[in-house]
Amino acid sequence: MVETAMTHRVLDADDLGRALNDLLPWPLSVRITPRRAARAIADGIARRAARTIAPRSWAPYSMLRGAVNVVADRRLADDGRVRDLIRRLEER
C-alpha cells in the first residue's frame, strides 16, 4: 500500500475500510511513502527488472504466494469477520 490521500480516505477514514485494513496481516499491512514507491519503480525500470517489490518485506510472500494463497483463501472463506465485511460492503 502506498500512503496517499486515497489510502487514508478508503482505509483509515471509513469504518469498513478500517475493518478491511485490520484483516491484513503483516507484511501486507505495511505502507510505503509515494517517494519510496516512485524510487522502487524507477530503480526497477533502470535495472530492467522483471519485477519490483517494495517494501522488501513483501519478497518472501511474493515468492511463496502460490502456496500461501491456498491457505489464506481457505482461512478467509471460513472467517466470519470477512463474511460480515463482505455483507456490509454489498449493502452499500
Protein backbone atom coordinates (compact mmCIF):
# COMPACT_ATOMS: atom_id res chain seq x y z
CA MET A 1 0.00 0.00 0.00
CA VAL A 2 1.20 3.45 -0.85
CA GLU A 3 0.46 6.11 1.76
CA THR A 4 -1.79 8.54 -0.14
CA ALA A 5 -4.90 10.63 0.42
CA MET A 6 -6.90 7.83 -1.25
CA THR A 7 -5.41 5.25 1.15
CA HIS A 8 -6.40 7.39 4.11
CA ARG A 9 -9.89 8.02 2.72
CA VAL A 10 -10.55 4.35 1.97
CA LEU A 11 -8.68 2.52 4.75
CA ASP A 12 -8.47 4.99 7.61
CA ALA A 13 -11.44 7.37 7.44
CA ASP A 14 -14.06 4.74 6.57
CA ASP A 15 -15.42 2.16 9.04
CA LEU A 16 -15.45 -0.66 6.50
CA GLY A 17 -12.04 0.33 5.20
CA ARG A 18 -10.60 0.15 8.71
CA ALA A 19 -12.19 -3.27 9.17
CA LEU A 20 -10.60 -4.45 5.91
CA ASN A 21 -7.24 -2.94 6.85
CA ASP A 22 -7.40 -4.67 10.25
CA LEU A 23 -7.68 -8.05 8.48
CA LEU A 24 -4.44 -7.55 6.55
CA PRO A 25 -1.56 -9.49 8.10
CA TRP A 26 2.00 -8.24 8.22
CA PRO A 27 3.68 -7.64 5.75
CA LEU A 28 0.61 -6.84 3.64
CA SER A 29 -0.38 -4.09 6.05
CA VAL A 30 2.93 -2.24 5.63
CA ARG A 31 2.54 1.11 3.85
CA ILE A 32 5.24 2.94 1.97
CA THR A 33 5.59 6.59 1.03
CA PRO A 34 4.92 7.78 -2.52
CA ARG A 35 8.61 8.72 -2.74
CA ARG A 36 9.67 5.20 -1.81
CA ALA A 37 7.21 3.71 -4.30
CA ALA A 38 8.45 6.01 -7.07
CA ARG A 39 12.07 5.18 -6.26
CA ALA A 40 11.33 1.43 -6.37
CA ILE A 41 9.58 1.79 -9.74
CA ALA A 42 12.34 3.98 -11.21
CA ASP A 43 15.05 1.61 -9.94
CA GLY A 44 13.19 -1.37 -11.40
CA ILE A 45 12.95 0.35 -14.79
CA ALA A 46 16.62 1.33 -14.69
CA ARG A 47 17.59 -2.29 -13.91
CA ARG A 48 15.11 -3.57 -16.50
CA ALA A 49 13.84 -5.80 -13.70
CA ALA A 50 11.19 -8.40 -14.42
CA ARG A 51 9.55 -7.47 -11.11
CA THR A 52 9.93 -4.85 -8.44
CA ILE A 53 8.87 -5.48 -4.87
CA ALA A 54 8.53 -2.75 -2.28
CA PRO A 55 8.70 -2.89 0.64
CA ARG A 56 11.31 -5.66 0.74
CA SER A 57 9.34 -7.41 3.50
CA TRP A 58 6.90 -8.48 0.75
CA ALA A 59 9.59 -10.51 -1.09
CA PRO A 60 9.08 -13.80 0.83
CA TYR A 61 5.31 -13.53 0.37
CA SER A 62 5.80 -12.88 -3.34
CA MET A 63 7.95 -16.00 -3.73
CA LEU A 64 5.54 -18.18 -1.74
CA ARG A 65 2.21 -16.66 -2.80
CA GLY A 66 1.08 -19.74 -4.75
CA ALA A 67 1.21 -21.89 -1.63
CA VAL A 68 0.31 -19.15 0.85
CA ASN A 69 -2.78 -18.04 -1.07
CA VAL A 70 -4.32 -21.52 -0.95
CA VAL A 71 -4.12 -21.49 2.84
CA ALA A 72 -5.07 -17.82 3.14
CA ASP A 73 -8.10 -18.21 0.86
CA ARG A 74 -9.40 -21.10 2.96
CA ARG A 75 -8.85 -19.18 6.18
CA LEU A 76 -10.57 -16.07 4.82
CA ALA A 77 -13.52 -18.09 3.49
CA ASP A 78 -14.06 -19.54 6.98
CA ASP A 79 -13.63 -16.21 8.79
CA GLY A 80 -16.92 -14.73 9.99
CA ARG A 81 -15.37 -11.24 10.07
CA VAL A 82 -14.67 -11.47 6.33
CA ARG A 83 -18.19 -12.68 5.56
CA ASP A 84 -19.64 -9.86 7.68
CA LEU A 85 -17.42 -7.29 5.95
CA ILE A 86 -18.48 -8.52 2.50
CA ARG A 87 -22.15 -8.39 3.52
CA ARG A 88 -21.73 -4.82 4.80
CA LEU A 89 -19.92 -3.76 1.62
CA GLU A 90 -22.67 -5.27 -0.54
CA GLU A 91 -25.31 -3.38 1.45
CA ARG A 92 -23.69 -0.11 0.46
